[in-house]
């Protein structure tokens, strides 16, 4: 289970990854939280004005959660 602070951090990672991708750069991965480095499974869903714009994820924990969230956010 992730804490509220961890969920906010993962949401910020997703947002930063999308902004960096659109700007043609790479987002930096924040440190200082074990949740970012812990292998995990996740889905990222993007809504715009209540309308689904994209959703993608992975069911198995094969990579660190921070990197997975960033990659899924860009793919979604």
N, C-alpha and C. Protein backbone atom coordinates (compact mmCIF):
# COMPACT_ATOMS: atom_id res chain seq x y z
N UNK A 1 0.85 -1.18 0.00
CA UNK A 1 0.00 0.00 0.00
C UNK A 1 0.89 1.24 0.00
N UNK A 2 0.50 2.21 -0.78
CA UNK A 2 1.27 3.45 -0.83
C UNK A 2 0.59 4.53 0.01
N UNK A 3 1.41 5.39 0.57
CA UNK A 3 0.89 6.48 1.39
C UNK A 3 0.38 7.60 0.49
N UNK A 4 -0.33 8.56 1.08
CA UNK A 4 -0.79 9.72 0.32
C UNK A 4 0.39 10.49 -0.27
N UNK A 5 1.45 10.61 0.50
CA UNK A 5 2.65 11.33 0.02
C UNK A 5 3.26 10.59 -1.17
N UNK A 6 3.32 9.26 -1.10
CA UNK A 6 3.85 8.47 -2.21
C UNK A 6 2.98 8.62 -3.46
N UNK A 7 1.67 8.64 -3.28
CA UNK A 7 0.77 8.80 -4.43
C UNK A 7 0.94 10.18 -5.06
N UNK A 8 1.11 11.20 -4.24
CA UNK A 8 1.34 12.54 -4.78
C UNK A 8 2.66 12.59 -5.55
N UNK A 9 3.69 11.94 -5.02
CA UNK A 9 4.98 11.89 -5.68
C UNK A 9 4.87 11.18 -7.03
N UNK A 10 4.19 10.06 -7.07
CA UNK A 10 4.03 9.31 -8.33
C UNK A 10 3.22 10.10 -9.34
N UNK A 11 2.21 10.83 -8.88
CA UNK A 11 1.44 11.69 -9.78
C UNK A 11 2.33 12.79 -10.35
N UNK A 12 3.19 13.37 -9.53
CA UNK A 12 4.10 14.41 -10.00
C UNK A 12 5.09 13.84 -11.01
N UNK A 13 5.57 12.63 -10.78
CA UNK A 13 6.47 11.97 -11.73
C UNK A 13 5.77 11.82 -13.08
N UNK A 14 4.51 11.39 -13.07
CA UNK A 14 3.76 11.23 -14.32
C UNK A 14 3.61 12.57 -15.03
N UNK A 15 3.24 13.60 -14.30
CA UNK A 15 3.06 14.92 -14.91
C UNK A 15 4.37 15.46 -15.46
N UNK A 16 5.45 15.32 -14.70
CA UNK A 16 6.76 15.81 -15.14
C UNK A 16 7.23 15.06 -16.39
N UNK A 17 6.95 13.76 -16.46
CA UNK A 17 7.36 12.96 -17.61
C UNK A 17 6.63 13.41 -18.87
N UNK A 18 5.34 13.72 -18.75
CA UNK A 18 4.57 14.19 -19.91
C UNK A 18 5.07 15.55 -20.37
N UNK A 19 5.28 16.47 -19.45
CA UNK A 19 5.77 17.81 -19.79
C UNK A 19 7.14 17.71 -20.46
N UNK A 20 8.04 16.90 -19.90
CA UNK A 20 9.38 16.75 -20.47
C UNK A 20 9.30 16.14 -21.87
N UNK A 21 8.46 15.15 -22.04
CA UNK A 21 8.30 14.51 -23.35
C UNK A 21 7.82 15.52 -24.39
N UNK A 22 6.85 16.32 -24.04
CA UNK A 22 6.32 17.31 -24.97
C UNK A 22 7.35 18.40 -25.27
N UNK A 23 8.26 18.65 -24.35
CA UNK A 23 9.31 19.64 -24.54
C UNK A 23 10.53 19.05 -25.24
N UNK A 24 10.51 17.74 -25.47
CA UNK A 24 11.63 17.09 -26.14
C UNK A 24 12.82 16.82 -25.25
N UNK A 25 12.58 16.71 -23.96
CA UNK A 25 13.68 16.44 -23.02
C UNK A 25 13.31 15.24 -22.14
N UNK A 26 14.17 14.98 -21.17
CA UNK A 26 13.93 13.89 -20.23
C UNK A 26 13.66 14.46 -18.85
N UNK A 27 12.68 13.93 -18.17
CA UNK A 27 12.37 14.36 -16.80
C UNK A 27 13.36 13.72 -15.84
N UNK A 28 13.75 14.44 -14.83
CA UNK A 28 14.61 13.86 -13.80
C UNK A 28 13.76 13.09 -12.81
N UNK A 29 14.33 12.02 -12.30
CA UNK A 29 13.62 11.18 -11.34
C UNK A 29 13.96 11.66 -9.93
N UNK A 30 12.95 12.03 -9.15
CA UNK A 30 13.23 12.49 -7.78
C UNK A 30 13.74 11.35 -6.91
N UNK A 31 14.57 11.69 -5.98
CA UNK A 31 15.09 10.71 -5.04
C UNK A 31 14.46 10.90 -3.67
N UNK A 32 14.89 10.11 -2.74
CA UNK A 32 14.45 10.29 -1.37
C UNK A 32 13.19 9.53 -0.99
N UNK A 33 12.68 8.70 -1.90
CA UNK A 33 11.50 7.92 -1.57
C UNK A 33 11.70 6.49 -2.04
N UNK A 34 11.48 5.57 -1.16
CA UNK A 34 11.65 4.15 -1.49
C UNK A 34 10.65 3.70 -2.56
N UNK A 35 9.49 4.33 -2.65
CA UNK A 35 8.46 3.92 -3.60
C UNK A 35 8.94 4.09 -5.04
N UNK A 36 9.78 5.06 -5.30
CA UNK A 36 10.27 5.31 -6.66
C UNK A 36 11.16 4.16 -7.14
N UNK A 37 11.95 3.59 -6.25
CA UNK A 37 12.90 2.54 -6.61
C UNK A 37 12.34 1.13 -6.46
N UNK A 38 11.22 0.99 -5.79
CA UNK A 38 10.63 -0.32 -5.53
C UNK A 38 9.99 -0.86 -6.81
N UNK A 39 10.26 -2.12 -7.16
CA UNK A 39 9.56 -2.69 -8.31
C UNK A 39 8.05 -2.69 -8.07
N UNK A 40 7.31 -2.35 -9.10
CA UNK A 40 5.87 -2.28 -8.93
C UNK A 40 5.12 -2.43 -10.24
N UNK A 41 3.84 -2.62 -10.14
CA UNK A 41 2.93 -2.67 -11.28
C UNK A 41 2.00 -1.48 -11.16
N UNK A 42 1.59 -0.93 -12.30
CA UNK A 42 0.77 0.28 -12.25
C UNK A 42 0.02 0.50 -13.55
N UNK A 43 -1.02 1.30 -13.47
CA UNK A 43 -1.74 1.80 -14.64
C UNK A 43 -1.78 3.31 -14.52
N UNK A 44 -1.63 3.97 -15.65
CA UNK A 44 -1.75 5.43 -15.72
C UNK A 44 -2.93 5.74 -16.63
N UNK A 45 -3.85 6.53 -16.13
CA UNK A 45 -5.03 6.94 -16.89
C UNK A 45 -5.03 8.45 -16.99
N UNK A 46 -5.23 8.95 -18.20
CA UNK A 46 -5.25 10.40 -18.42
C UNK A 46 -6.64 10.81 -18.85
N UNK A 47 -7.19 11.79 -18.13
CA UNK A 47 -8.48 12.40 -18.48
C UNK A 47 -8.26 13.86 -18.81
N UNK A 48 -9.04 14.37 -19.73
CA UNK A 48 -9.02 15.79 -20.07
C UNK A 48 -10.45 16.27 -20.09
N UNK A 49 -10.79 17.15 -19.15
CA UNK A 49 -12.16 17.67 -19.01
C UNK A 49 -13.16 16.52 -18.87
N UNK A 50 -12.79 15.52 -18.06
CA UNK A 50 -13.68 14.40 -17.79
C UNK A 50 -13.72 13.34 -18.87
N UNK A 51 -12.97 13.53 -19.94
CA UNK A 51 -12.98 12.59 -21.06
C UNK A 51 -11.69 11.76 -21.05
N UNK A 52 -11.81 10.46 -21.20
CA UNK A 52 -10.66 9.57 -21.23
C UNK A 52 -9.80 9.88 -22.44
N UNK A 53 -8.50 10.12 -22.21
CA UNK A 53 -7.59 10.43 -23.31
C UNK A 53 -6.57 9.31 -23.51
N UNK A 54 -6.33 8.50 -22.49
CA UNK A 54 -5.38 7.41 -22.63
C UNK A 54 -5.26 6.61 -21.34
N UNK A 55 -4.92 5.33 -21.49
CA UNK A 55 -4.74 4.46 -20.33
C UNK A 55 -3.81 3.32 -20.73
N UNK A 56 -2.79 3.10 -19.94
CA UNK A 56 -1.86 2.00 -20.19
C UNK A 56 -1.21 1.61 -18.87
N UNK A 57 -0.80 0.36 -18.78
CA UNK A 57 -0.13 -0.08 -17.58
C UNK A 57 0.48 -1.45 -17.72
N UNK A 58 1.04 -1.92 -16.62
CA UNK A 58 1.68 -3.23 -16.55
C UNK A 58 1.20 -3.95 -15.30
N UNK A 59 0.89 -5.22 -15.44
CA UNK A 59 0.37 -6.00 -14.33
C UNK A 59 1.46 -6.64 -13.48
N UNK A 60 2.66 -6.75 -14.01
CA UNK A 60 3.75 -7.39 -13.28
C UNK A 60 4.83 -6.37 -12.93
N UNK A 61 5.44 -6.60 -11.78
CA UNK A 61 6.46 -5.67 -11.27
C UNK A 61 7.83 -6.04 -11.81
N UNK A 62 8.16 -5.50 -13.00
CA UNK A 62 9.45 -5.81 -13.63
C UNK A 62 10.45 -4.67 -13.59
N UNK A 63 10.02 -3.49 -13.18
CA UNK A 63 10.93 -2.35 -13.14
C UNK A 63 10.54 -1.42 -12.00
N UNK A 64 11.44 -0.51 -11.63
CA UNK A 64 11.14 0.42 -10.54
C UNK A 64 9.88 1.23 -10.85
N UNK A 65 9.07 1.43 -9.84
CA UNK A 65 7.77 2.07 -10.00
C UNK A 65 7.88 3.48 -10.57
N UNK A 66 8.87 4.25 -10.17
CA UNK A 66 9.03 5.60 -10.71
C UNK A 66 9.25 5.59 -12.21
N UNK A 67 10.12 4.70 -12.67
CA UNK A 67 10.39 4.61 -14.11
C UNK A 67 9.18 4.09 -14.86
N UNK A 68 8.46 3.12 -14.28
CA UNK A 68 7.25 2.58 -14.90
C UNK A 68 6.18 3.65 -15.04
N UNK A 69 5.96 4.41 -14.00
CA UNK A 69 4.94 5.47 -14.03
C UNK A 69 5.29 6.50 -15.10
N UNK A 70 6.55 6.91 -15.18
CA UNK A 70 6.96 7.90 -16.17
C UNK A 70 6.73 7.37 -17.59
N UNK A 71 7.13 6.13 -17.84
CA UNK A 71 6.97 5.54 -19.16
C UNK A 71 5.51 5.36 -19.55
N UNK A 72 4.70 4.92 -18.62
CA UNK A 72 3.26 4.74 -18.90
C UNK A 72 2.57 6.08 -19.14
N UNK A 73 2.97 7.10 -18.39
CA UNK A 73 2.36 8.42 -18.57
C UNK A 73 2.61 8.94 -19.97
N UNK A 74 3.81 8.79 -20.46
CA UNK A 74 4.14 9.25 -21.81
C UNK A 74 3.41 8.40 -22.84
N UNK A 75 3.34 7.09 -22.63
CA UNK A 75 2.67 6.20 -23.57
C UNK A 75 1.16 6.44 -23.61
N UNK A 76 0.59 6.81 -22.48
CA UNK A 76 -0.86 7.03 -22.43
C UNK A 76 -1.23 8.28 -23.17
